[in-house]
Amino acid sequence: MHKIRPEAQGPPKGACSRSTITGKRSRETVYAITDLTSRQVSPERIAKILRARWVIENRLRFVRDTAFREDASKIRTGHSTENMATLRSFAINQLRTAGHTNNIAAGLRKTASASTNGR
């Protein structure tokens, strides 16, 4: 799979997408720097690469925000935000490894309940 890389050489390639939001048509132009040649690139291919990347990113961010209320966190000094994000991601990965793949919040509740009951 080709990656969108900011350090790639060459001019940016453009990708256009159209979507219908509340019945209105809109057009958006997205520019990305890629290692693909002009023969390999198309708006559809760039869109597919970007969507694949954001699916993974959004999956983790959504879980961190819903299970750990990350957006409501008051932690803001130094590297504490990055450190807490790392700890939350670690906890999510541990829960997924333990079999809680579909519902991280339920896994957190079950783990908390087990530790409270001494199991």
PDB file of N, CA and C in Angstrom:
ATOM      1  N   MET A   1       0.836  -1.173   0.000  1.00  0.00           N
ATOM      2  CA  MET A   1       0.000   0.000   0.000  1.00  0.00           C
ATOM      3  C   MET A   1       0.884   1.239   0.000  1.00  0.00           C
ATOM      4  N   HIS A   2       0.563   2.183  -0.844  1.00  0.00           N
ATOM      5  CA  HIS A   2       1.318   3.435  -0.900  1.00  0.00           C
ATOM      6  C   HIS A   2       0.862   4.341   0.226  1.00  0.00           C
ATOM      7  N   LYS A   3       1.751   5.148   0.693  1.00  0.00           N
ATOM      8  CA  LYS A   3       1.461   6.036   1.805  1.00  0.00           C
ATOM      9  C   LYS A   3       1.503   7.479   1.351  1.00  0.00           C
ATOM     10  N   ILE A   4       0.706   8.297   1.980  1.00  0.00           N
ATOM     11  CA  ILE A   4       0.773   9.735   1.795  1.00  0.00           C
ATOM     12  C   ILE A   4       1.877  10.208   2.724  1.00  0.00           C
ATOM     13  N   ARG A   5       2.920  10.751   2.154  1.00  0.00           N
ATOM     14  CA  ARG A   5       4.077  11.165   2.941  1.00  0.00           C
ATOM     15  C   ARG A   5       4.356  12.645   2.715  1.00  0.00           C
ATOM     16  N   PRO A   6       4.468  13.414   3.786  1.00  0.00           N
ATOM     17  CA  PRO A   6       4.786  14.831   3.614  1.00  0.00           C
ATOM     18  C   PRO A   6       6.177  15.063   3.055  1.00  0.00           C
ATOM     19  N   GLU A   7       7.106  14.123   3.256  1.00  0.00           N
ATOM     20  CA  GLU A   7       8.472  14.331   2.799  1.00  0.00           C
ATOM     21  C   GLU A   7       8.686  13.861   1.359  1.00  0.00           C
ATOM     22  N   ALA A   8       7.664  13.295   0.715  1.00  0.00           N
ATOM     23  CA  ALA A   8       7.811  12.792  -0.657  1.00  0.00           C
ATOM     24  C   ALA A   8       8.127  13.932  -1.617  1.00  0.00           C
ATOM     25  N   GLN A   9       8.897  13.613  -2.632  1.00  0.00           N
ATOM     26  CA  GLN A   9       9.284  14.614  -3.615  1.00  0.00           C
ATOM     27  C   GLN A   9       8.199  14.727  -4.689  1.00  0.00           C
ATOM     28  N   GLY A  10       8.199  15.834  -5.367  1.00  0.00           N
ATOM     29  CA  GLY A  10       7.267  16.014  -6.471  1.00  0.00           C
ATOM     30  C   GLY A  10       6.102  16.902  -6.089  1.00  0.00           C
ATOM     31  N   PRO A  11       5.372  17.354  -7.103  1.00  0.00           N
ATOM     32  CA  PRO A  11       4.251  18.258  -6.845  1.00  0.00           C
ATOM     33  C   PRO A  11       3.085  17.523  -6.206  1.00  0.00           C
ATOM     34  N   PRO A  12       2.278  18.241  -5.438  1.00  0.00           N
ATOM     35  CA  PRO A  12       1.117  17.608  -4.837  1.00  0.00           C
ATOM     36  C   PRO A  12       0.110  17.196  -5.898  1.00  0.00           C
ATOM     37  N   LYS A  13      -0.566  16.105  -5.640  1.00  0.00           N
ATOM     38  CA  LYS A  13      -1.610  15.632  -6.539  1.00  0.00           C
ATOM     39  C   LYS A  13      -2.945  16.037  -5.938  1.00  0.00           C
ATOM     40  N   GLY A  14      -3.910  16.406  -6.775  1.00  0.00           N
ATOM     41  CA  GLY A  14      -5.203  16.839  -6.276  1.00  0.00           C
ATOM     42  C   GLY A  14      -6.235  15.733  -6.325  1.00  0.00           C
ATOM     43  N   ALA A  15      -7.125  15.729  -5.376  1.00  0.00           N
ATOM     44  CA  ALA A  15      -8.233  14.788  -5.359  1.00  0.00           C
ATOM     45  C   ALA A  15      -9.505  15.571  -5.099  1.00  0.00           C
ATOM     46  N   CYS A  16     -10.519  15.310  -5.890  1.00  0.00           N
ATOM     47  CA  CYS A  16     -11.789  15.996  -5.716  1.00  0.00           C
ATOM     48  C   CYS A  16     -12.837  14.996  -5.257  1.00  0.00           C
ATOM     49  N   SER A  17     -13.712  15.439  -4.389  1.00  0.00           N
ATOM     50  CA  SER A  17     -14.820  14.589  -3.988  1.00  0.00           C
ATOM     51  C   SER A  17     -16.082  15.426  -3.932  1.00  0.00           C
ATOM     52  N   ARG A  18     -17.175  14.781  -4.231  1.00  0.00           N
ATOM     53  CA  ARG A  18     -18.473  15.451  -4.154  1.00  0.00           C
ATOM     54  C   ARG A  18     -19.338  14.678  -3.181  1.00  0.00           C
ATOM     55  N   SER A  19     -20.068  15.398  -2.372  1.00  0.00           N
ATOM     56  CA  SER A  19     -20.946  14.732  -1.427  1.00  0.00           C
ATOM     57  C   SER A  19     -22.244  15.503  -1.301  1.00  0.00           C
ATOM     58  N   THR A  20     -23.254  14.782  -0.890  1.00  0.00           N
ATOM     59  CA  THR A  20     -24.542  15.403  -0.662  1.00  0.00           C
ATOM     60  C   THR A  20     -24.754  15.515   0.830  1.00  0.00           C
ATOM     61  N   ILE A  21     -24.875  16.736   1.315  1.00  0.00           N
ATOM     62  CA  ILE A  21     -25.125  16.987   2.728  1.00  0.00           C
ATOM     63  C   ILE A  21     -26.410  17.796   2.817  1.00  0.00           C
ATOM     64  N   THR A  22     -27.374  17.248   3.495  1.00  0.00           N
ATOM     65  CA  THR A  22     -28.704  17.862   3.642  1.00  0.00           C
ATOM     66  C   THR A  22     -29.290  18.292   2.303  1.00  0.00           C
ATOM     67  N   GLY A  23     -29.105  17.447   1.300  1.00  0.00           N
ATOM     68  CA  GLY A  23     -29.688  17.716  -0.011  1.00  0.00           C
ATOM     69  C   GLY A  23     -28.907  18.673  -0.888  1.00  0.00           C
ATOM     70  N   LYS A  24     -27.850  19.257  -0.401  1.00  0.00           N
ATOM     71  CA  LYS A  24     -27.052  20.189  -1.190  1.00  0.00           C
ATOM     72  C   LYS A  24     -25.800  19.491  -1.697  1.00  0.00           C
ATOM     73  N   ARG A  25     -25.405  19.816  -2.898  1.00  0.00           N
ATOM     74  CA  ARG A  25     -24.173  19.266  -3.465  1.00  0.00           C
ATOM     75  C   ARG A  25     -23.014  20.171  -3.073  1.00  0.00           C
ATOM     76  N   SER A  26     -21.920  19.557  -2.743  1.00  0.00           N
ATOM     77  CA  SER A  26     -20.723  20.330  -2.424  1.00  0.00           C
ATOM     78  C   SER A  26     -19.529  19.691  -3.103  1.00  0.00           C
ATOM     79  N   ARG A  27     -18.494  20.467  -3.291  1.00  0.00           N
ATOM     80  CA  ARG A  27     -17.271  19.979  -3.921  1.00  0.00           C
ATOM     81  C   ARG A  27     -16.096  20.405  -3.067  1.00  0.00           C
ATOM     82  N   GLU A  28     -15.195  19.475  -2.848  1.00  0.00           N
ATOM     83  CA  GLU A  28     -14.018  19.752  -2.030  1.00  0.00           C
ATOM     84  C   GLU A  28     -12.784  19.277  -2.778  1.00  0.00           C
ATOM     85  N   THR A  29     -11.765  20.103  -2.806  1.00  0.00           N
ATOM     86  CA  THR A  29     -10.495  19.713  -3.410  1.00  0.00           C
ATOM     87  C   THR A  29      -9.490  19.483  -2.299  1.00  0.00           C
ATOM     88  N   VAL A  30      -8.865  18.319  -2.328  1.00  0.00           N
ATOM     89  CA  VAL A  30      -7.884  17.938  -1.314  1.00  0.00           C
ATOM     90  C   VAL A  30      -6.548  17.755  -2.008  1.00  0.00           C
ATOM     91  N   TYR A  31      -5.497  18.311  -1.437  1.00  0.00           N
ATOM     92  CA  TYR A  31      -4.159  18.162  -1.989  1.00  0.00           C
ATOM     93  C   TYR A  31      -3.315  17.323  -1.041  1.00  0.00           C
ATOM     94  N   ALA A  32      -2.569  16.401  -1.611  1.00  0.00           N
ATOM     95  CA  ALA A  32      -1.710  15.535  -0.808  1.00  0.00           C
ATOM     96  C   ALA A  32      -0.417  15.284  -1.567  1.00  0.00           C
ATOM     97  N   ILE A  33       0.654  15.153  -0.826  1.00  0.00           N
ATOM     98  CA  ILE A  33       1.944  14.804  -1.426  1.00  0.00           C
ATOM     99  C   ILE A  33       2.102  13.298  -1.276  1.00  0.00           C
ATOM    100  N   THR A  34       2.417  12.635  -2.359  1.00  0.00           N
ATOM    101  CA  THR A  34       2.481  11.184  -2.356  1.00  0.00           C
ATOM    102  C   THR A  34       3.695  10.689  -3.128  1.00  0.00           C
ATOM    103  N   ASP A  35       4.045   9.420  -2.925  1.00  0.00           N
ATOM    104  CA  ASP A  35       5.150   8.828  -3.676  1.00  0.00           C
ATOM    105  C   ASP A  35       4.652   8.166  -4.960  1.00  0.00           C
ATOM    106  N   LEU A  36       3.362   8.266  -5.244  1.00  0.00           N
ATOM    107  CA  LEU A  36       2.808   7.725  -6.482  1.00  0.00           C
ATOM    108  C   LEU A  36       3.172   8.613  -7.663  1.00  0.00           C
ATOM    109  N   THR A  37       3.358   8.006  -8.819  1.00  0.00           N
ATOM    110  CA  THR A  37       3.615   8.789 -10.035  1.00  0.00           C
ATOM    111  C   THR A  37       2.293   9.298 -10.581  1.00  0.00           C
ATOM    112  N   SER A  38       2.370  10.208 -11.536  1.00  0.00           N
ATOM    113  CA  SER A  38       1.142  10.760 -12.115  1.00  0.00           C
ATOM    114  C   SER A  38       0.330   9.683 -12.855  1.00  0.00           C
ATOM    115  N   ARG A  39       0.971   8.625 -13.322  1.00  0.00           N
ATOM    116  CA  ARG A  39       0.239   7.527 -13.973  1.00  0.00           C
ATOM    117  C   ARG A  39      -0.452   6.618 -12.960  1.00  0.00           C
ATOM    118  N   GLN A  40       0.077   6.573 -11.757  1.00  0.00           N
ATOM    119  CA  GLN A  40      -0.495   5.705 -10.719  1.00  0.00           C
ATOM    120  C   GLN A  40      -1.598   6.382  -9.915  1.00  0.00           C
ATOM    121  N   VAL A  41      -1.637   7.693  -9.950  1.00  0.00           N
ATOM    122  CA  VAL A  41      -2.533   8.432  -9.071  1.00  0.00           C
ATOM    123  C   VAL A  41      -3.848   8.782  -9.772  1.00  0.00           C
ATOM    124  N   SER A  42      -4.893   8.790  -8.987  1.00  0.00           N
ATOM    125  CA  SER A  42      -6.196   9.276  -9.435  1.00  0.00           C
ATOM    126  C   SER A  42      -6.908   9.813  -8.201  1.00  0.00           C
ATOM    127  N   PRO A  43      -7.885  10.673  -8.372  1.00  0.00           N
ATOM    128  CA  PRO A  43      -8.619  11.168  -7.196  1.00  0.00           C
ATOM    129  C   PRO A  43      -9.217  10.023  -6.373  1.00  0.00           C
ATOM    130  N   GLU A  44      -9.701   9.010  -7.046  1.00  0.00           N
ATOM    131  CA  GLU A  44     -10.301   7.879  -6.348  1.00  0.00           C
ATOM    132  C   GLU A  44      -9.265   7.125  -5.519  1.00  0.00           C
ATOM    133  N   ARG A  45      -8.075   6.950  -6.076  1.00  0.00           N
ATOM    134  CA  ARG A  45      -7.023   6.213  -5.356  1.00  0.00           C
ATOM    135  C   ARG A  45      -6.538   6.992  -4.139  1.00  0.00           C
ATOM    136  N   ILE A  46      -6.344   8.289  -4.289  1.00  0.00           N
ATOM    137  CA  ILE A  46      -5.936   9.105  -3.148  1.00  0.00           C
ATOM    138  C   ILE A  46      -7.017   9.078  -2.071  1.00  0.00           C
ATOM    139  N   ALA A  47      -8.272   9.190  -2.480  1.00  0.00           N
ATOM    140  CA  ALA A  47      -9.371   9.150  -1.514  1.00  0.00           C
ATOM    141  C   ALA A  47      -9.381   7.817  -0.762  1.00  0.00           C
ATOM    142  N   LYS A  48      -9.143   6.716  -1.473  1.00  0.00           N
ATOM    143  CA  LYS A  48      -9.121   5.396  -0.842  1.00  0.00           C
ATOM    144  C   LYS A  48      -7.984   5.297   0.175  1.00  0.00           C
ATOM    145  N   ILE A  49      -6.797   5.782  -0.176  1.00  0.00           N
ATOM    146  CA  ILE A  49      -5.648   5.745   0.738  1.00  0.00           C
ATOM    147  C   ILE A  49      -5.931   6.592   1.980  1.00  0.00           C
ATOM    148  N   LEU A  50      -6.468   7.797   1.784  1.00  0.00           N
ATOM    149  CA  LEU A  50      -6.757   8.677   2.916  1.00  0.00           C
ATOM    150  C   LEU A  50      -7.844   8.106   3.819  1.00  0.00           C
ATOM    151  N   ARG A  51      -8.895   7.544   3.222  1.00  0.00           N
ATOM    152  CA  ARG A  51      -9.967   6.938   4.027  1.00  0.00           C
ATOM    153  C   ARG A  51      -9.440   5.778   4.858  1.00  0.00           C
ATOM    154  N   ALA A  52      -8.588   4.945   4.273  1.00  0.00           N
ATOM    155  CA  ALA A  52      -8.030   3.803   5.004  1.00  0.00           C
ATOM    156  C   ALA A  52      -7.227   4.285   6.204  1.00  0.00           C
ATOM    157  N   ARG A  53      -6.486   5.353   6.025  1.00  0.00           N
ATOM    158  CA  ARG A  53      -5.683   5.892   7.131  1.00  0.00           C
ATOM    159  C   ARG A  53      -6.584   6.447   8.226  1.00  0.00           C
ATOM    160  N   TRP A  54      -7.630   7.178   7.842  1.00  0.00           N
ATOM    161  CA  TRP A  54      -8.487   7.810   8.840  1.00  0.00           C
ATOM    162  C   TRP A  54      -9.399   6.822   9.545  1.00  0.00           C
ATOM    163  N   VAL A  55      -9.720   5.701   8.927  1.00  0.00           N
ATOM    164  CA  VAL A  55     -10.523   4.679   9.609  1.00  0.00           C
ATOM    165  C   VAL A  55      -9.783   4.206  10.853  1.00  0.00           C
ATOM    166  N   ILE A  56      -8.497   3.925  10.717  1.00  0.00           N
ATOM    167  CA  ILE A  56      -7.687   3.467  11.845  1.00  0.00           C
ATOM    168  C   ILE A  56      -7.574   4.573  12.888  1.00  0.00           C
ATOM    169  N   GLU A  57      -7.265   5.773  12.450  1.00  0.00           N
ATOM    170  CA  GLU A  57      -7.090   6.904  13.371  1.00  0.00           C
ATOM    171  C   GLU A  57      -8.381   7.204  14.126  1.00  0.00           C
ATOM    172  N   ASN A  58      -9.494   7.267  13.413  1.00  0.00           N
ATOM    173  CA  ASN A  58     -10.774   7.582  14.045  1.00  0.00           C
ATOM    174  C   ASN A  58     -11.221   6.489  14.997  1.00  0.00           C
ATOM    175  N   ARG A  59     -10.920   5.243  14.678  1.00  0.00           N
ATOM    176  CA  ARG A  59     -11.305   4.139  15.554  1.00  0.00           C
ATOM    177  C   ARG A  59     -10.664   4.309  16.930  1.00  0.00           C
ATOM    178  N   LEU A  60      -9.395   4.625  16.961  1.00  0.00           N
ATOM    179  CA  LEU A  60      -8.703   4.797  18.233  1.00  0.00           C
ATOM    180  C   LEU A  60      -9.173   6.056  18.955  1.00  0.00           C
ATOM    181  N   ARG A  61      -9.288   7.158  18.246  1.00  0.00           N
ATOM    182  CA  ARG A  61      -9.699   8.415  18.891  1.00  0.00           C
ATOM    183  C   ARG A  61     -11.120   8.323  19.431  1.00  0.00           C
ATOM    184  N   PHE A  62     -12.013   7.700  18.688  1.00  0.00           N
ATOM    185  CA  PHE A  62     -13.403   7.562  19.132  1.00  0.00           C
ATOM    186  C   PHE A  62     -13.457   6.757  20.431  1.00  0.00           C
ATOM    187  N   VAL A  63     -12.724   5.651  20.478  1.00  0.00           N
ATOM    188  CA  VAL A  63     -12.717   4.816  21.681  1.00  0.00           C
ATOM    189  C   VAL A  63     -12.114   5.571  22.854  1.00  0.00           C
ATOM    190  N   ARG A  64     -11.000   6.258  22.617  1.00  0.00           N
ATOM    191  CA  ARG A  64     -10.376   7.008  23.719  1.00  0.00           C
ATOM    192  C   ARG A  64     -11.318   8.074  24.246  1.00  0.00           C
ATOM    193  N   ASP A  65     -12.047   8.730  23.365  1.00  0.00           N
ATOM    194  CA  ASP A  65     -12.933   9.789  23.821  1.00  0.00           C
ATOM    195  C   ASP A  65     -14.173   9.235  24.507  1.00  0.00           C
ATOM    196  N   THR A  66     -14.767   8.179  23.971  1.00  0.00           N
ATOM    197  CA  THR A  66     -15.994   7.666  24.584  1.00  0.00           C
ATOM    198  C   THR A  66     -15.726   6.860  25.852  1.00  0.00           C
ATOM    199  N   ALA A  67     -14.698   6.038  25.861  1.00  0.00           N
ATOM    200  CA  ALA A  67     -14.424   5.200  27.028  1.00  0.00           C
ATOM    201  C   ALA A  67     -13.703   5.969  28.135  1.00  0.00           C
ATOM    202  N   PHE A  68     -12.826   6.896  27.766  1.00  0.00           N
ATOM    203  CA  PHE A  68     -12.015   7.602  28.751  1.00  0.00           C
ATOM    204  C   PHE A  68     -12.342   9.091  28.850  1.00  0.00           C
ATOM    205  N   ARG A  69     -13.331   9.555  28.087  1.00  0.00           N
ATOM    206  CA  ARG A  69     -13.719  10.982  28.069  1.00  0.00           C
ATOM    207  C   ARG A  69     -12.502  11.879  27.855  1.00  0.00           C
ATOM    208  N   GLU A  70     -11.694  11.522  26.870  1.00  0.00           N
ATOM    209  CA  GLU A  70     -10.434  12.220  26.628  1.00  0.00           C
ATOM    210  C   GLU A  70     -10.639  13.700  26.303  1.00  0.00           C
ATOM    211  N   ASP A  71     -11.670  14.030  25.541  1.00  0.00           N
ATOM    212  CA  ASP A  71     -11.891  15.430  25.186  1.00  0.00           C
ATOM    213  C   ASP A  71     -12.238  16.292  26.397  1.00  0.00           C
ATOM    214  N   ALA A  72     -12.786  15.688  27.444  1.00  0.00           N
ATOM    215  CA  ALA A  72     -13.154  16.435  28.648  1.00  0.00           C
ATOM    216  C   ALA A  72     -12.004  16.526  29.648  1.00  0.00           C
ATOM    217  N   SER A  73     -10.888  15.914  29.353  1.00  0.00           N
ATOM    218  CA  SER A  73      -9.745  15.891  30.274  1.00  0.00           C
ATOM    219  C   SER A  73      -9.211  17.294  30.525  1.00  0.00           C
ATOM    220  N   LYS A  74      -8.847  17.543  31.782  1.00  0.00           N
ATOM    221  CA  LYS A  74      -8.283  18.845  32.171  1.00  0.00           C
ATOM    222  C   LYS A  74      -6.759  18.806  32.208  1.00  0.00           C
ATOM    223  N   ILE A  75      -6.176  17.689  31.827  1.00  0.00           N
ATOM    224  CA  ILE A  75      -4.720  17.544  31.849  1.00  0.00           C
ATOM    225  C   ILE A  75      -4.142  18.334  30.676  1.00  0.00           C
ATOM    226  N   ARG A  76      -3.308  19.337  30.969  1.00  0.00           N
ATOM    227  CA  ARG A  76      -2.810  20.211  29.908  1.00  0.00           C
ATOM    228  C   ARG A  76      -1.347  20.628  30.053  1.00  0.00           C
ATOM    229  N   THR A  77      -0.634  20.209  31.084  1.00  0.00           N
ATOM    230  CA  THR A  77       0.717  20.719  31.303  1.00  0.00           C
ATOM    231  C   THR A  77       1.785  19.802  30.709  1.00  0.00           C
ATOM    232  N   GLY A  78       2.831  20.416  30.181  1.00  0.00           N
ATOM    233  CA  GLY A  78       3.974  19.684  29.652  1.00  0.00           C
ATOM    234  C   GLY A  78       3.588  18.615  28.645  1.00  0.00           C
ATOM    235  N   HIS A  79       4.121  17.437  28.843  1.00  0.00           N
ATOM    236  CA  HIS A  79       3.843  16.305  27.959  1.00  0.00           C
ATOM    237  C   HIS A  79       2.738  15.417  28.509  1.00  0.00           C
ATOM    238  N   SER A  80       2.014  15.908  29.494  1.00  0.00           N
ATOM    239  CA  SER A  80       1.012  15.069  30.154  1.00  0.00           C
ATOM    240  C   SER A  80      -0.098  14.621  29.202  1.00  0.00           C
ATOM    241  N   THR A  81      -0.489  15.459  28.252  1.00  0.00           N
ATOM    242  CA  THR A  81      -1.548  15.037  27.325  1.00  0.00           C
ATOM    243  C   THR A  81      -1.082  13.867  26.464  1.00  0.00           C
ATOM    244  N   GLU A  82       0.158  13.943  25.954  1.00  0.00           N
ATOM    245  CA  GLU A  82       0.695  12.846  25.149  1.00  0.00           C
ATOM    246  C   GLU A  82       0.880  11.586  25.988  1.00  0.00           C
ATOM    247  N   ASN A  83       1.367  11.764  27.225  1.00  0.00           N
ATOM    248  CA  ASN A  83       1.567  10.619  28.113  1.00  0.00           C
ATOM    249  C   ASN A  83       0.255   9.927  28.441  1.00  0.00           C
ATOM    250  N   MET A  84      -0.777  10.697  28.731  1.00  0.00           N
ATOM    251  CA  MET A  84      -2.075  10.103  29.046  1.00  0.00           C
ATOM    252  C   MET A  84      -2.676   9.427  27.814  1.00  0.00           C
ATOM    253  N   ALA A  85      -2.509  10.014  26.636  1.00  0.00           N
ATOM    254  CA  ALA A  85      -2.999   9.376  25.412  1.00  0.00           C
ATOM    255  C   ALA A  85      -2.302   8.033  25.205  1.00  0.00           C
ATOM    256  N   THR A  86      -1.009   7.985  25.485  1.00  0.00           N
ATOM    257  CA  THR A  86      -0.258   6.734  25.362  1.00  0.00           C
ATOM    258  C   THR A  86      -0.780   5.695  26.352  1.00  0.00           C
ATOM    259  N   LEU A  87      -1.016   6.106  27.595  1.00  0.00           N
ATOM    260  CA  LEU A  87      -1.546   5.181  28.597  1.00  0.00           C
ATOM    261  C   LEU A  87      -2.946   4.688  28.233  1.00  0.00           C
ATOM    262  N   ARG A  88      -3.776   5.588  27.727  1.00  0.00           N
ATOM    263  CA  ARG A  88      -5.128   5.180  27.309  1.00  0.00           C
ATOM    264  C   ARG A  88      -5.058   4.198  26.147  1.00  0.00           C
ATOM    265  N   SER A  89      -4.194   4.474  25.176  1.00  0.00           N
ATOM    266  CA  SER A  89      -4.030   3.559  24.036  1.00  0.00           C
ATOM    267  C   SER A  89      -3.515   2.206  24.503  1.00  0.00           C
ATOM    268  N   PHE A  90      -2.590   2.212  25.451  1.00  0.00           N
ATOM    269  CA  PHE A  90      -2.066   0.965  26.011  1.00  0.00           C
ATOM    270  C   PHE A  90      -3.190   0.169  26.672  1.00  0.00           C
ATOM    271  N   ALA A  91      -4.022   0.849  27.467  1.00  0.00           N
ATOM    272  CA  ALA A  91      -5.141   0.178  28.134  1.00  0.00           C
ATOM    273  C   ALA A  91      -6.115  -0.407  27.115  1.00  0.00           C
ATOM    274  N   ILE A  92      -6.405   0.345  26.063  1.00  0.00           N
ATOM    275  CA  ILE A  92      -7.311  -0.143  25.005  1.00  0.00           C
ATOM    276  C   ILE A  92      -6.724  -1.383  24.349  1.00  0.00           C
ATOM    277  N   ASN A  93      -5.438  -1.347  24.032  1.00  0.00           N
ATOM    278  CA  ASN A  93      -4.801  -2.505  23.394  1.00  0.00           C
ATOM    279  C   ASN A  93      -4.788  -3.711  24.321  1.00  0.00           C
ATOM    280  N   GLN A  94      -4.576  -3.500  25.620  1.00  0.00           N
ATOM    281  CA  GLN A  94      -4.612  -4.605  26.577  1.00  0.00           C
ATOM    282  C   GLN A  94      -6.012  -5.212  26.658  1.00  0.00           C
ATOM    283  N   LEU A  95      -7.033  -4.361  26.652  1.00  0.00           N
ATOM    284  CA  LEU A  95      -8.412  -4.866  26.684  1.00  0.00           C
ATOM    285  C   LEU A  95      -8.738  -5.640  25.407  1.00  0.00           C
ATOM    286  N   ARG A  96      -8.278  -5.148  24.272  1.00  0.00           N
ATOM    287  CA  ARG A  96      -8.519  -5.874  23.008  1.00  0.00           C
ATOM    288  C   ARG A  96      -7.796  -7.220  23.017  1.00  0.00           C
ATOM    289  N   THR A  97      -6.577  -7.241  23.534  1.00  0.00           N
ATOM    290  CA  THR A  97      -5.820  -8.491  23.632  1.00  0.00           C
ATOM    291  C   THR A  97      -6.538  -9.485  24.550  1.00  0.00           C
ATOM    292  N   ALA A  98      -7.194  -8.970  25.592  1.00  0.00           N
ATOM    293  CA  ALA A  98      -7.915  -9.818  26.543  1.00  0.00           C
ATOM    294  C   ALA A  98      -9.273 -10.268  25.999  1.00  0.00           C
ATOM    295  N   GLY A  99      -9.614  -9.867  24.779  1.00  0.00           N
ATOM    296  CA  GLY A  99     -10.855 -10.332  24.168  1.00  0.00           C
ATOM    297  C   GLY A  99     -11.987  -9.331  24.130  1.00  0.00           C
ATOM    298  N   HIS A 100     -11.782  -8.139  24.647  1.00  0.00           N
ATOM    299  CA  HIS A 100     -12.828  -7.109  24.635  1.00  0.00           C
ATOM    300  C   HIS A 100     -12.710  -6.280  23.354  1.00  0.00           C
ATOM    301  N   THR A 101     -12.950  -6.909  22.221  1.00  0.00           N
ATOM    302  CA  THR A 101     -12.718  -6.234  20.946  1.00  0.00           C
ATOM    303  C   THR A 101     -13.883  -5.362  20.508  1.00  0.00           C
ATOM    304  N   ASN A 102     -15.095  -5.700  20.889  1.00  0.00           N
ATOM    305  CA  ASN A 102     -16.264  -4.963  20.400  1.00  0.00           C
ATOM    306  C   ASN A 102     -16.707  -3.820  21.295  1.00  0.00           C
ATOM    307  N   ASN A 103     -16.446  -3.933  22.603  1.00  0.00           N
ATOM    308  CA  ASN A 103     -16.939  -2.919  23.523  1.00  0.00           C
ATOM    309  C   ASN A 103     -15.888  -2.660  24.609  1.00  0.00           C
ATOM    310  N   ILE A 104     -15.074  -1.667  24.376  1.00  0.00           N
ATOM    311  CA  ILE A 104     -13.999  -1.333  25.308  1.00  0.00           C
ATOM    312  C   ILE A 104     -14.579  -0.833  26.636  1.00  0.00           C
ATOM    313  N   ALA A 105     -15.656  -0.047  26.593  1.00  0.00           N
ATOM    314  CA  ALA A 105     -16.263   0.465  27.827  1.00  0.00           C
ATOM    315  C   ALA A 105     -16.747  -0.686  28.699  1.00  0.00           C
ATOM    316  N   ALA A 106     -17.362  -1.707  28.107  1.00  0.00           N
ATOM    317  CA  ALA A 106     -17.804  -2.879  28.878  1.00  0.00           C
ATOM    318  C   ALA A 106     -16.595  -3.612  29.458  1.00  0.00           C
ATOM    319  N   GLY A 107     -15.514  -3.696  28.695  1.00  0.00           N
ATOM    320  CA  GLY A 107     -14.287  -4.316  29.186  1.00  0.00           C
ATOM    321  C   GLY A 107     -13.715  -3.559  30.372  1.00  0.00           C
ATOM    322  N   LEU A 108     -13.768  -2.231  30.312  1.00  0.00           N
ATOM    323  CA  LEU A 108     -13.297  -1.414  31.436  1.00  0.00           C
ATOM    324  C   LEU A 108     -14.138  -1.675  32.687  1.00  0.00           C
ATOM    325  N   ARG A 109     -15.469  -1.732  32.514  1.00  0.00           N
ATOM    326  CA  ARG A 109     -16.358  -1.977  33.654  1.00  0.00           C
ATOM    327  C   ARG A 109     -16.099  -3.359  34.252  1.00  0.00           C
ATOM    328  N   LYS A 110     -15.950  -4.363  33.387  1.00  0.00           N
ATOM    329  CA  LYS A 110     -15.709  -5.722  33.865  1.00  0.00           C
ATOM    330  C   LYS A 110     -14.368  -5.816  34.596  1.00  0.00           C
ATOM    331  N   THR A 111     -13.343  -5.195  34.036  1.00  0.00           N
ATOM    332  CA  THR A 111     -12.018  -5.206  34.671  1.00  0.00           C
ATOM    333  C   THR A 111     -12.046  -4.468  36.003  1.00  0.00           C
ATOM    334  N   ALA A 112     -12.726  -3.331  36.056  1.00  0.00           N
ATOM    335  CA  ALA A 112     -12.829  -2.567  37.304  1.00  0.00           C
ATOM    336  C   ALA A 112     -13.599  -3.361  38.352  1.00  0.00           C
ATOM    337  N   SER A 113     -14.657  -4.031  37.935  1.00  0.00           N
ATOM    338  CA  SER A 113     -15.456  -4.826  38.857  1.00  0.00           C
ATOM    339  C   SER A 113     -14.644  -5.998  39.405  1.00  0.00           C
ATOM    340  N   ALA A 114     -13.877  -6.640  38.536  1.00  0.00           N
ATOM    341  CA  ALA A 114     -13.046  -7.778  38.956  1.00  0.00           C
ATOM    342  C   ALA A 114     -11.956  -7.340  39.919  1.00  0.00           C
ATOM    343  N   SER A 115     -11.374  -6.170  39.699  1.00  0.00           N
ATOM    344  CA  SER A 115     -10.314  -5.707  40.597  1.00  0.00           C
ATOM    345  C   SER A 115     -10.889  -5.249  41.935  1.00  0.00           C
ATOM    346  N   THR A 116     -12.105  -4.730  41.935  1.00  0.00           N
ATOM    347  CA  THR A 116     -12.763  -4.328  43.180  1.00  0.00           C
ATOM    348  C   THR A 116     -13.143  -5.540  44.020  1.00  0.00           C
ATOM    349  N   ASN A 117     -13.544  -6.618  43.340  1.00  0.00           N
ATOM    350  CA  ASN A 117     -13.955  -7.832  44.031  1.00  0.00           C
ATOM    351  C   ASN A 117     -12.777  -8.745  44.355  1.00  0.00           C
ATOM    352  N   GLY A 118     -11.564  -8.339  44.023  1.00  0.00           N
ATOM    353  CA  GLY A 118     -10.376  -9.098  44.350  1.00  0.00           C
ATOM    354  C   GLY A 118     -10.116 -10.293  43.453  1.00  0.00           C
ATOM    355  N   ARG A 119     -10.642 -10.302  42.245  1.00  0.00           N
ATOM    356  CA  ARG A 119     -10.431 -11.419  41.309  1.00  0.00           C
ATOM    357  C   ARG A 119      -9.248 -11.192  40.446  1.00  0.00           C
TER     358      ARG A 119
END
